[in-house]
Amino acid sequence: GYVLQVGDRVFDNSGRHALDQMTGDKPDLATLKTRVEDYKPAANTAE
């Protein structure tokens, strides 16, 4: 994927971002499943 920054706006649609979002703080299986389902690419939704 990629990371695009225009001023303060960051569109992070990288694989590293997705992995960090899902595996931060070493979650258990239930938490990891929730994070995978909730994950949205920052390029579409994030400021």
All heavy atoms as atom14 arrays in JSON, in Angstrom:
{
  "sequence": "GYVLQVGDRVFDNSGRHALDQMTGDKPDLATLKTRVEDYKPAANTAE",
  "atom14_mask": [
    [1, 1, 1, 1, 0, 0, 0, 0, 0, 0, 0, 0, 0, 0],
    [1, 1, 1, 1, 1, 1, 1, 1, 1, 1, 1, 1, 0, 0],
    [1, 1, 1, 1, 1, 1, 1, 0, 0, 0, 0, 0, 0, 0],
    [1, 1, 1, 1, 1, 1, 1, 1, 0, 0, 0, 0, 0, 0],
    [1, 1, 1, 1, 1, 1, 1, 1, 1, 0, 0, 0, 0, 0],
    [1, 1, 1, 1, 1, 1, 1, 0, 0, 0, 0, 0, 0, 0],
    [1, 1, 1, 1, 0, 0, 0, 0, 0, 0, 0, 0, 0, 0],
    [1, 1, 1, 1, 1, 1, 1, 1, 0, 0, 0, 0, 0, 0],
    [1, 1, 1, 1, 1, 1, 1, 1, 1, 1, 1, 0, 0, 0],
    [1, 1, 1, 1, 1, 1, 1, 0, 0, 0, 0, 0, 0, 0],
    [1, 1, 1, 1, 1, 1, 1, 1, 1, 1, 1, 0, 0, 0],
    [1, 1, 1, 1, 1, 1, 1, 1, 0, 0, 0, 0, 0, 0],
    [1, 1, 1, 1, 1, 1, 1, 1, 0, 0, 0, 0, 0, 0],
    [1, 1, 1, 1, 1, 1, 0, 0, 0, 0, 0, 0, 0, 0],
    [1, 1, 1, 1, 0, 0, 0, 0, 0, 0, 0, 0, 0, 0],
    [1, 1, 1, 1, 1, 1, 1, 1, 1, 1, 1, 0, 0, 0],
    [1, 1, 1, 1, 1, 1, 1, 1, 1, 1, 0, 0, 0, 0],
    [1, 1, 1, 1, 1, 0, 0, 0, 0, 0, 0, 0, 0, 0],
    [1, 1, 1, 1, 1, 1, 1, 1, 0, 0, 0, 0, 0, 0],
    [1, 1, 1, 1, 1, 1, 1, 1, 0, 0, 0, 0, 0, 0],
    [1, 1, 1, 1, 1, 1, 1, 1, 1, 0, 0, 0, 0, 0],
    [1, 1, 1, 1, 1, 1, 1, 1, 0, 0, 0, 0, 0, 0],
    [1, 1, 1, 1, 1, 1, 1, 0, 0, 0, 0, 0, 0, 0],
    [1, 1, 1, 1, 0, 0, 0, 0, 0, 0, 0, 0, 0, 0],
    [1, 1, 1, 1, 1, 1, 1, 1, 0, 0, 0, 0, 0, 0],
    [1, 1, 1, 1, 1, 1, 1, 1, 1, 0, 0, 0, 0, 0],
    [1, 1, 1, 1, 1, 1, 1, 0, 0, 0, 0, 0, 0, 0],
    [1, 1, 1, 1, 1, 1, 1, 1, 0, 0, 0, 0, 0, 0],
    [1, 1, 1, 1, 1, 1, 1, 1, 0, 0, 0, 0, 0, 0],
    [1, 1, 1, 1, 1, 0, 0, 0, 0, 0, 0, 0, 0, 0],
    [1, 1, 1, 1, 1, 1, 1, 0, 0, 0, 0, 0, 0, 0],
    [1, 1, 1, 1, 1, 1, 1, 1, 0, 0, 0, 0, 0, 0],
    [1, 1, 1, 1, 1, 1, 1, 1, 1, 0, 0, 0, 0, 0],
    [1, 1, 1, 1, 1, 1, 1, 0, 0, 0, 0, 0, 0, 0],
    [1, 1, 1, 1, 1, 1, 1, 1, 1, 1, 1, 0, 0, 0],
    [1, 1, 1, 1, 1, 1, 1, 0, 0, 0, 0, 0, 0, 0],
    [1, 1, 1, 1, 1, 1, 1, 1, 1, 0, 0, 0, 0, 0],
    [1, 1, 1, 1, 1, 1, 1, 1, 0, 0, 0, 0, 0, 0],
    [1, 1, 1, 1, 1, 1, 1, 1, 1, 1, 1, 1, 0, 0],
    [1, 1, 1, 1, 1, 1, 1, 1, 1, 0, 0, 0, 0, 0],
    [1, 1, 1, 1, 1, 1, 1, 0, 0, 0, 0, 0, 0, 0],
    [1, 1, 1, 1, 1, 0, 0, 0, 0, 0, 0, 0, 0, 0],
    [1, 1, 1, 1, 1, 0, 0, 0, 0, 0, 0, 0, 0, 0],
    [1, 1, 1, 1, 1, 1, 1, 1, 0, 0, 0, 0, 0, 0],
    [1, 1, 1, 1, 1, 1, 1, 0, 0, 0, 0, 0, 0, 0],
    [1, 1, 1, 1, 1, 0, 0, 0, 0, 0, 0, 0, 0, 0],
    [1, 1, 1, 1, 1, 1, 1, 1, 1, 0, 0, 0, 0, 0]
  ],
  "atom14_positions": [
    [[0.81, -1.22, 0.0], [0.0, 0.0, 0.0], [0.84, 1.27, 0.0], [1.99, 1.29, -0.47], [0.0, 0.0, 0.0], [0.0, 0.0, 0.0], [0.0, 0.0, 0.0], [0.0, 0.0, 0.0], [0.0, 0.0, 0.0], [0.0, 0.0, 0.0], [0.0, 0.0, 0.0], [0.0, 0.0, 0.0], [0.0, 0.0, 0.0], [0.0, 0.0, 0.0]],
    [[0.28, 2.33, 0.59], [0.94, 3.64, 0.55], [0.49, 4.49, 1.72], [-0.49, 4.21, 2.4], [0.61, 4.36, -0.77], [-0.86, 4.64, -0.95], [-1.45, 5.8, -0.44], [-1.68, 3.73, -1.62], [-2.8, 6.05, -0.58], [-3.04, 3.97, -1.77], [-3.59, 5.13, -1.25], [-4.93, 5.38, -1.38], [0.0, 0.0, 0.0], [0.0, 0.0, 0.0]],
    [[1.25, 5.58, 1.94], [0.89, 6.62, 2.9], [0.96, 7.95, 2.18], [2.01, 8.3, 1.61], [1.83, 6.63, 4.13], [1.48, 7.8, 5.06], [1.77, 5.32, 4.89], [0.0, 0.0, 0.0], [0.0, 0.0, 0.0], [0.0, 0.0, 0.0], [0.0, 0.0, 0.0], [0.0, 0.0, 0.0], [0.0, 0.0, 0.0], [0.0, 0.0, 0.0]],
    [[-0.14, 8.68, 2.19], [-0.2, 9.98, 1.53], [-0.47, 11.05, 2.57], [-1.41, 10.92, 3.36], [-1.32, 10.0, 0.47], [-1.57, 11.33, -0.24], [-0.4, 11.71, -1.12], [-2.86, 11.26, -1.07], [0.0, 0.0, 0.0], [0.0, 0.0, 0.0], [0.0, 0.0, 0.0], [0.0, 0.0, 0.0], [0.0, 0.0, 0.0], [0.0, 0.0, 0.0]],
    [[0.37, 12.1, 2.62], [0.14, 13.19, 3.57], [0.07, 14.51, 2.81], [0.96, 14.86, 2.04], [1.24, 13.28, 4.62], [1.0, 14.47, 5.57], [1.6, 14.28, 6.93], [2.08, 13.21, 7.26], [1.57, 15.32, 7.73], [0.0, 0.0, 0.0], [0.0, 0.0, 0.0], [0.0, 0.0, 0.0], [0.0, 0.0, 0.0], [0.0, 0.0, 0.0]],
    [[-1.04, 15.22, 3.07], [-1.23, 16.57, 2.54], [-1.44, 17.48, 3.74], [-2.53, 17.51, 4.32], [-2.45, 16.64, 1.58], [-2.52, 18.01, 0.94], [-2.38, 15.55, 0.54], [0.0, 0.0, 0.0], [0.0, 0.0, 0.0], [0.0, 0.0, 0.0], [0.0, 0.0, 0.0], [0.0, 0.0, 0.0], [0.0, 0.0, 0.0], [0.0, 0.0, 0.0]],
    [[-0.41, 18.18, 4.12], [-0.5, 19.0, 5.32], [-0.71, 18.12, 6.54], [0.05, 17.18, 6.79], [0.0, 0.0, 0.0], [0.0, 0.0, 0.0], [0.0, 0.0, 0.0], [0.0, 0.0, 0.0], [0.0, 0.0, 0.0], [0.0, 0.0, 0.0], [0.0, 0.0, 0.0], [0.0, 0.0, 0.0], [0.0, 0.0, 0.0], [0.0, 0.0, 0.0]],
    [[-1.77, 18.39, 7.31], [-2.05, 17.62, 8.52], [-2.85, 16.36, 8.23], [-3.03, 15.52, 9.11], [-2.83, 18.48, 9.53], [-1.94, 19.52, 10.18], [-0.73, 19.28, 10.26], [-2.46, 20.58, 10.58], [0.0, 0.0, 0.0], [0.0, 0.0, 0.0], [0.0, 0.0, 0.0], [0.0, 0.0, 0.0], [0.0, 0.0, 0.0], [0.0, 0.0, 0.0]],
    [[-3.37, 16.24, 7.04], [-4.2, 15.07, 6.72], [-3.33, 13.9, 6.28], [-2.47, 14.04, 5.41], [-5.22, 15.4, 5.63], [-6.23, 16.46, 6.05], [-7.42, 16.51, 5.11], [-8.23, 15.32, 5.23], [-9.31, 15.1, 4.47], [-9.68, 15.98, 3.57], [-10.01, 13.99, 4.63], [0.0, 0.0, 0.0], [0.0, 0.0, 0.0], [0.0, 0.0, 0.0]],
    [[-3.55, 12.76, 6.9], [-2.77, 11.56, 6.61], [-3.72, 10.48, 6.09], [-4.7, 10.14, 6.76], [-2.04, 11.05, 7.87], [-1.25, 9.79, 7.54], [-1.12, 12.12, 8.42], [0.0, 0.0, 0.0], [0.0, 0.0, 0.0], [0.0, 0.0, 0.0], [0.0, 0.0, 0.0], [0.0, 0.0, 0.0], [0.0, 0.0, 0.0], [0.0, 0.0, 0.0]],
    [[-3.42, 9.97, 4.91], [-4.18, 8.85, 4.34], [-3.25, 7.64, 4.38], [-2.37, 7.49, 3.54], [-4.61, 9.16, 2.91], [-5.47, 10.38, 2.78], [-4.9, 11.64, 2.67], [-6.85, 10.28, 2.76], [-5.68, 12.76, 2.54], [-7.64, 11.4, 2.64], [-7.07, 12.65, 2.54], [0.0, 0.0, 0.0], [0.0, 0.0, 0.0], [0.0, 0.0, 0.0]],
    [[-3.44, 6.8, 5.39], [-2.54, 5.67, 5.59], [-3.23, 4.38, 5.19], [-4.1, 3.87, 5.9], [-2.1, 5.59, 7.06], [-0.91, 4.66, 7.24], [-0.7, 3.8, 6.37], [-0.2, 4.79, 8.26], [0.0, 0.0, 0.0], [0.0, 0.0, 0.0], [0.0, 0.0, 0.0], [0.0, 0.0, 0.0], [0.0, 0.0, 0.0], [0.0, 0.0, 0.0]],
    [[-2.88, 3.88, 4.02], [-3.46, 2.64, 3.52], [-2.37, 1.59, 3.35], [-2.38, 0.82, 2.41], [-4.18, 2.9, 2.2], [-5.13, 1.76, 1.83], [-5.46, 0.94, 2.66], [-5.52, 1.72, 0.57], [0.0, 0.0, 0.0], [0.0, 0.0, 0.0], [0.0, 0.0, 0.0], [0.0, 0.0, 0.0], [0.0, 0.0, 0.0], [0.0, 0.0, 0.0]],
    [[-1.44, 1.59, 4.3], [-0.3, 0.68, 4.19], [-0.56, -0.61, 4.96], [-1.37, -0.65, 5.89], [0.96, 1.35, 4.75], [0.84, 1.56, 6.14], [0.0, 0.0, 0.0], [0.0, 0.0, 0.0], [0.0, 0.0, 0.0], [0.0, 0.0, 0.0], [0.0, 0.0, 0.0], [0.0, 0.0, 0.0], [0.0, 0.0, 0.0], [0.0, 0.0, 0.0]],
    [[0.15, -1.65, 4.58], [0.05, -2.91, 5.29], [0.58, -2.81, 6.71], [0.06, -3.46, 7.62], [0.0, 0.0, 0.0], [0.0, 0.0, 0.0], [0.0, 0.0, 0.0], [0.0, 0.0, 0.0], [0.0, 0.0, 0.0], [0.0, 0.0, 0.0], [0.0, 0.0, 0.0], [0.0, 0.0, 0.0], [0.0, 0.0, 0.0], [0.0, 0.0, 0.0]],
    [[1.62, -1.98, 6.9], [2.18, -1.82, 8.25], [1.15, -1.21, 9.19], [1.01, -1.61, 10.35], [3.42, -0.93, 8.19], [4.13, -0.77, 9.53], [5.33, 0.14, 9.39], [4.92, 1.5, 9.08], [5.76, 2.46, 8.68], [7.04, 2.18, 8.52], [5.32, 3.66, 8.4], [0.0, 0.0, 0.0], [0.0, 0.0, 0.0], [0.0, 0.0, 0.0]],
    [[0.38, -0.21, 8.69], [-0.65, 0.42, 9.51], [-1.72, -0.59, 9.91], [-2.15, -0.65, 11.06], [-1.27, 1.58, 8.73], [-2.41, 2.26, 9.44], [-3.72, 1.91, 9.22], [-2.43, 3.24, 10.38], [-4.51, 2.65, 9.99], [-3.75, 3.47, 10.69], [0.0, 0.0, 0.0], [0.0, 0.0, 0.0], [0.0, 0.0, 0.0], [0.0, 0.0, 0.0]],
    [[-2.13, -1.39, 8.94], [-3.16, -2.4, 9.23], [-2.66, -3.39, 10.28], [-3.38, -3.75, 11.22], [-3.55, -3.14, 7.95], [0.0, 0.0, 0.0], [0.0, 0.0, 0.0], [0.0, 0.0, 0.0], [0.0, 0.0, 0.0], [0.0, 0.0, 0.0], [0.0, 0.0, 0.0], [0.0, 0.0, 0.0], [0.0, 0.0, 0.0], [0.0, 0.0, 0.0]],
    [[-1.41, -3.82, 10.13], [-0.85, -4.79, 11.07], [-0.71, -4.2, 12.47], [-1.03, -4.84, 13.48], [0.52, -5.26, 10.55], [1.08, -6.56, 11.12], [0.13, -7.72, 10.83], [2.46, -6.84, 10.56], [0.0, 0.0, 0.0], [0.0, 0.0, 0.0], [0.0, 0.0, 0.0], [0.0, 0.0, 0.0], [0.0, 0.0, 0.0], [0.0, 0.0, 0.0]],
    [[-0.25, -2.94, 12.54], [-0.12, -2.28, 13.84], [-1.46, -2.12, 14.53], [-1.59, -2.3, 15.75], [0.54, -0.91, 13.67], [2.02, -1.0, 13.31], [2.58, -2.1, 13.46], [2.59, 0.01, 12.85], [0.0, 0.0, 0.0], [0.0, 0.0, 0.0], [0.0, 0.0, 0.0], [0.0, 0.0, 0.0], [0.0, 0.0, 0.0], [0.0, 0.0, 0.0]],
    [[-2.48, -1.78, 13.74], [-3.82, -1.59, 14.31], [-4.36, -2.88, 14.91], [-5.03, -2.88, 15.93], [-4.79, -1.1, 13.23], [-4.51, 0.29, 12.73], [-4.9, 1.33, 13.75], [-4.08, 1.69, 14.58], [-6.11, 1.79, 13.72], [0.0, 0.0, 0.0], [0.0, 0.0, 0.0], [0.0, 0.0, 0.0], [0.0, 0.0, 0.0], [0.0, 0.0, 0.0]],
    [[-4.06, -3.98, 14.24], [-4.65, -5.25, 14.66], [-3.87, -5.94, 15.77], [-4.45, -6.63, 16.61], [-4.76, -6.19, 13.46], [-5.69, -5.69, 12.36], [-5.63, -6.78, 10.93], [-6.42, -5.75, 9.69], [0.0, 0.0, 0.0], [0.0, 0.0, 0.0], [0.0, 0.0, 0.0], [0.0, 0.0, 0.0], [0.0, 0.0, 0.0], [0.0, 0.0, 0.0]],
    [[-2.55, -5.77, 15.79], [-1.73, -6.55, 16.72], [-1.12, -5.72, 17.83], [-0.32, -6.23, 18.62], [-0.59, -7.27, 15.96], [0.25, -6.26, 15.34], [-1.14, -8.19, 14.9], [0.0, 0.0, 0.0], [0.0, 0.0, 0.0], [0.0, 0.0, 0.0], [0.0, 0.0, 0.0], [0.0, 0.0, 0.0], [0.0, 0.0, 0.0], [0.0, 0.0, 0.0]],
    [[-1.49, -4.44, 17.93], [-0.95, -3.61, 19.01], [-1.28, -4.2, 20.37], [-2.34, -4.77, 20.57], [0.0, 0.0, 0.0], [0.0, 0.0, 0.0], [0.0, 0.0, 0.0], [0.0, 0.0, 0.0], [0.0, 0.0, 0.0], [0.0, 0.0, 0.0], [0.0, 0.0, 0.0], [0.0, 0.0, 0.0], [0.0, 0.0, 0.0], [0.0, 0.0, 0.0]],
    [[-0.39, -4.11, 21.32], [-0.48, -4.6, 22.71], [-0.73, -6.1, 22.82], [-1.28, -6.59, 23.81], [-1.5, -3.82, 23.55], [-2.96, -4.01, 23.11], [-3.28, -5.02, 22.48], [-3.77, -3.13, 23.42], [0.0, 0.0, 0.0], [0.0, 0.0, 0.0], [0.0, 0.0, 0.0], [0.0, 0.0, 0.0], [0.0, 0.0, 0.0], [0.0, 0.0, 0.0]],
    [[-0.37, -6.87, 21.75], [-0.45, -8.34, 21.77], [-1.82, -8.83, 22.24], [-1.95, -9.43, 23.31], [0.65, -8.92, 22.65], [2.05, -8.6, 22.16], [3.11, -9.19, 23.07], [4.5, -8.84, 22.59], [5.55, -9.37, 23.49], [0.0, 0.0, 0.0], [0.0, 0.0, 0.0], [0.0, 0.0, 0.0], [0.0, 0.0, 0.0], [0.0, 0.0, 0.0]],
    [[-2.88, -8.59, 21.47], [-4.24, -8.95, 21.91], [-4.47, -10.45, 21.89], [-3.75, -11.2, 21.22], [-5.12, -8.25, 20.87], [-4.27, -8.25, 19.63], [-2.86, -8.05, 20.1], [0.0, 0.0, 0.0], [0.0, 0.0, 0.0], [0.0, 0.0, 0.0], [0.0, 0.0, 0.0], [0.0, 0.0, 0.0], [0.0, 0.0, 0.0], [0.0, 0.0, 0.0]],
    [[-5.51, -10.88, 22.65], [-5.91, -12.27, 22.56], [-6.69, -12.49, 21.27], [-6.95, -11.55, 20.51], [-6.73, -12.68, 23.78], [-7.98, -11.83, 23.96], [-8.47, -11.29, 22.95], [-8.45, -11.69, 25.1], [0.0, 0.0, 0.0], [0.0, 0.0, 0.0], [0.0, 0.0, 0.0], [0.0, 0.0, 0.0], [0.0, 0.0, 0.0], [0.0, 0.0, 0.0]],
    [[-7.09, -13.72, 21.04], [-7.73, -14.06, 19.77], [-9.04, -13.3, 19.55], [-9.32, -12.83, 18.46], [-7.99, -15.57, 19.72], [-8.53, -16.12, 18.39], [-7.55, -15.86, 17.27], [-8.8, -17.62, 18.51], [0.0, 0.0, 0.0], [0.0, 0.0, 0.0], [0.0, 0.0, 0.0], [0.0, 0.0, 0.0], [0.0, 0.0, 0.0], [0.0, 0.0, 0.0]],
    [[-9.84, -13.16, 20.65], [-11.13, -12.47, 20.53], [-10.93, -11.01, 20.15], [-11.61, -10.46, 19.27], [-11.9, -12.57, 21.85], [0.0, 0.0, 0.0], [0.0, 0.0, 0.0], [0.0, 0.0, 0.0], [0.0, 0.0, 0.0], [0.0, 0.0, 0.0], [0.0, 0.0, 0.0], [0.0, 0.0, 0.0], [0.0, 0.0, 0.0], [0.0, 0.0, 0.0]],
    [[-9.96, -10.34, 20.79], [-9.7, -8.94, 20.5], [-9.16, -8.78, 19.09], [-9.54, -7.86, 18.36], [-8.69, -8.37, 21.52], [-9.18, -8.63, 22.84], [-8.51, -6.88, 21.33], [0.0, 0.0, 0.0], [0.0, 0.0, 0.0], [0.0, 0.0, 0.0], [0.0, 0.0, 0.0], [0.0, 0.0, 0.0], [0.0, 0.0, 0.0], [0.0, 0.0, 0.0]],
    [[-8.27, -9.68, 18.67], [-7.7, -9.61, 17.33], [-8.78, -9.75, 16.27], [-8.81, -9.02, 15.27], [-6.64, -10.7, 17.16], [-5.91, -10.74, 15.81], [-5.17, -9.44, 15.56], [-4.95, -11.92, 15.76], [0.0, 0.0, 0.0], [0.0, 0.0, 0.0], [0.0, 0.0, 0.0], [0.0, 0.0, 0.0], [0.0, 0.0, 0.0], [0.0, 0.0, 0.0]],
    [[-9.73, -10.68, 16.52], [-10.83, -10.87, 15.57], [-11.66, -9.6, 15.44], [-12.02, -9.19, 14.33], [-11.72, -12.03, 16.04], [-12.87, -12.34, 15.1], [-13.72, -13.49, 15.65], [-14.92, -13.74, 14.75], [-15.8, -14.8, 15.3], [0.0, 0.0, 0.0], [0.0, 0.0, 0.0], [0.0, 0.0, 0.0], [0.0, 0.0, 0.0], [0.0, 0.0, 0.0]],
    [[-11.94, -8.94, 16.57], [-12.7, -7.69, 16.55], [-11.96, -6.61, 15.77], [-12.54, -5.88, 14.97], [-12.96, -7.2, 17.98], [-13.66, -8.22, 18.69], [-13.79, -5.93, 17.98], [0.0, 0.0, 0.0], [0.0, 0.0, 0.0], [0.0, 0.0, 0.0], [0.0, 0.0, 0.0], [0.0, 0.0, 0.0], [0.0, 0.0, 0.0], [0.0, 0.0, 0.0]],
    [[-10.65, -6.52, 15.99], [-9.87, -5.49, 15.31], [-9.8, -5.73, 13.8], [-9.84, -4.78, 13.02], [-8.46, -5.43, 15.9], [-8.44, -4.89, 17.32], [-7.02, -4.82, 17.86], [-7.01, -4.33, 19.24], [-5.91, -4.21, 19.97], [-4.74, -4.55, 19.47], [-5.98, -3.76, 21.2], [0.0, 0.0, 0.0], [0.0, 0.0, 0.0], [0.0, 0.0, 0.0]],
    [[-9.7, -6.99, 13.4], [-9.69, -7.3, 11.96], [-11.01, -6.89, 11.33], [-11.05, -6.3, 10.24], [-9.42, -8.8, 11.75], [-9.63, -9.18, 10.29], [-8.0, -9.15, 12.17], [0.0, 0.0, 0.0], [0.0, 0.0, 0.0], [0.0, 0.0, 0.0], [0.0, 0.0, 0.0], [0.0, 0.0, 0.0], [0.0, 0.0, 0.0], [0.0, 0.0, 0.0]],
    [[-12.13, -7.17, 12.03], [-13.44, -6.83, 11.48], [-13.66, -5.31, 11.45], [-14.3, -4.78, 10.53], [-14.54, -7.48, 12.33], [-14.56, -9.0, 12.2], [-15.51, -9.64, 13.2], [-15.96, -8.93, 14.13], [-15.78, -10.85, 13.08], [0.0, 0.0, 0.0], [0.0, 0.0, 0.0], [0.0, 0.0, 0.0], [0.0, 0.0, 0.0], [0.0, 0.0, 0.0]],
    [[-13.11, -4.61, 12.45], [-13.34, -3.16, 12.54], [-12.38, -2.34, 11.68], [-12.61, -1.16, 11.45], [-13.19, -2.68, 14.0], [-14.32, -3.17, 14.86], [-15.3, -3.66, 14.29], [-14.22, -3.06, 16.11], [0.0, 0.0, 0.0], [0.0, 0.0, 0.0], [0.0, 0.0, 0.0], [0.0, 0.0, 0.0], [0.0, 0.0, 0.0], [0.0, 0.0, 0.0]],
    [[-11.3, -2.98, 11.19], [-10.27, -2.21, 10.51], [-10.8, -1.58, 9.22], [-11.45, -2.23, 8.41], [-9.06, -3.08, 10.18], [-8.01, -2.32, 9.39], [-7.23, -1.36, 10.0], [-7.85, -2.55, 8.03], [-6.3, -0.63, 9.29], [-6.93, -1.82, 7.31], [-6.15, -0.87, 7.93], [-5.24, -0.15, 7.22], [0.0, 0.0, 0.0], [0.0, 0.0, 0.0]],
    [[-10.5, -0.3, 9.05], [-10.82, 0.42, 7.82], [-9.57, 1.16, 7.37], [-8.89, 1.78, 8.19], [-11.95, 1.44, 8.05], [-13.27, 0.82, 8.43], [-14.3, 1.91, 8.65], [-15.64, 1.33, 9.08], [-16.63, 2.37, 9.36], [0.0, 0.0, 0.0], [0.0, 0.0, 0.0], [0.0, 0.0, 0.0], [0.0, 0.0, 0.0], [0.0, 0.0, 0.0]],
    [[-9.23, 1.12, 6.1], [-8.05, 1.85, 5.64], [-8.18, 3.33, 5.93], [-9.22, 3.94, 5.69], [-8.04, 1.59, 4.12], [-8.86, 0.36, 3.93], [-9.89, 0.39, 5.02], [0.0, 0.0, 0.0], [0.0, 0.0, 0.0], [0.0, 0.0, 0.0], [0.0, 0.0, 0.0], [0.0, 0.0, 0.0], [0.0, 0.0, 0.0], [0.0, 0.0, 0.0]],
    [[-7.11, 3.9, 6.47], [-7.15, 5.32, 6.81], [-7.32, 6.19, 5.58], [-7.75, 7.32, 5.66], [-5.88, 5.7, 7.55], [0.0, 0.0, 0.0], [0.0, 0.0, 0.0], [0.0, 0.0, 0.0], [0.0, 0.0, 0.0], [0.0, 0.0, 0.0], [0.0, 0.0, 0.0], [0.0, 0.0, 0.0], [0.0, 0.0, 0.0], [0.0, 0.0, 0.0]],
    [[-6.99, 5.65, 4.4], [-7.13, 6.44, 3.18], [-8.58, 6.78, 2.89], [-8.87, 7.76, 2.21], [-6.55, 5.66, 2.0], [0.0, 0.0, 0.0], [0.0, 0.0, 0.0], [0.0, 0.0, 0.0], [0.0, 0.0, 0.0], [0.0, 0.0, 0.0], [0.0, 0.0, 0.0], [0.0, 0.0, 0.0], [0.0, 0.0, 0.0], [0.0, 0.0, 0.0]],
    [[-9.52, 5.98, 3.4], [-10.93, 6.22, 3.12], [-11.62, 7.01, 4.22], [-12.57, 7.73, 3.97], [-11.66, 4.89, 2.95], [-11.12, 4.11, 1.77], [-10.63, 4.7, 0.81], [-11.19, 2.79, 1.85], [0.0, 0.0, 0.0], [0.0, 0.0, 0.0], [0.0, 0.0, 0.0], [0.0, 0.0, 0.0], [0.0, 0.0, 0.0], [0.0, 0.0, 0.0]],
    [[-11.19, 6.85, 5.47], [-11.99, 7.37, 6.56], [-11.26, 8.31, 7.5], [-11.89, 8.94, 8.33], [-12.53, 6.22, 7.42], [-11.41, 5.52, 7.99], [-13.35, 5.24, 6.61], [0.0, 0.0, 0.0], [0.0, 0.0, 0.0], [0.0, 0.0, 0.0], [0.0, 0.0, 0.0], [0.0, 0.0, 0.0], [0.0, 0.0, 0.0], [0.0, 0.0, 0.0]],
    [[-9.94, 8.37, 7.43], [-9.21, 9.03, 8.51], [-8.72, 10.41, 8.14], [-8.38, 10.69, 7.0], [-8.05, 8.17, 8.96], [0.0, 0.0, 0.0], [0.0, 0.0, 0.0], [0.0, 0.0, 0.0], [0.0, 0.0, 0.0], [0.0, 0.0, 0.0], [0.0, 0.0, 0.0], [0.0, 0.0, 0.0], [0.0, 0.0, 0.0], [0.0, 0.0, 0.0]],
    [[-8.68, 11.24, 9.17], [-8.04, 12.54, 9.08], [-6.96, 12.54, 10.14], [-7.19, 12.1, 11.26], [-9.06, 13.64, 9.35], [-8.48, 15.03, 9.32], [-9.55, 16.07, 9.6], [-10.6, 16.01, 8.96], [-9.33, 16.91, 10.46], [0.0, 0.0, 0.0], [0.0, 0.0, 0.0], [0.0, 0.0, 0.0], [0.0, 0.0, 0.0], [0.0, 0.0, 0.0]]
  ]
}
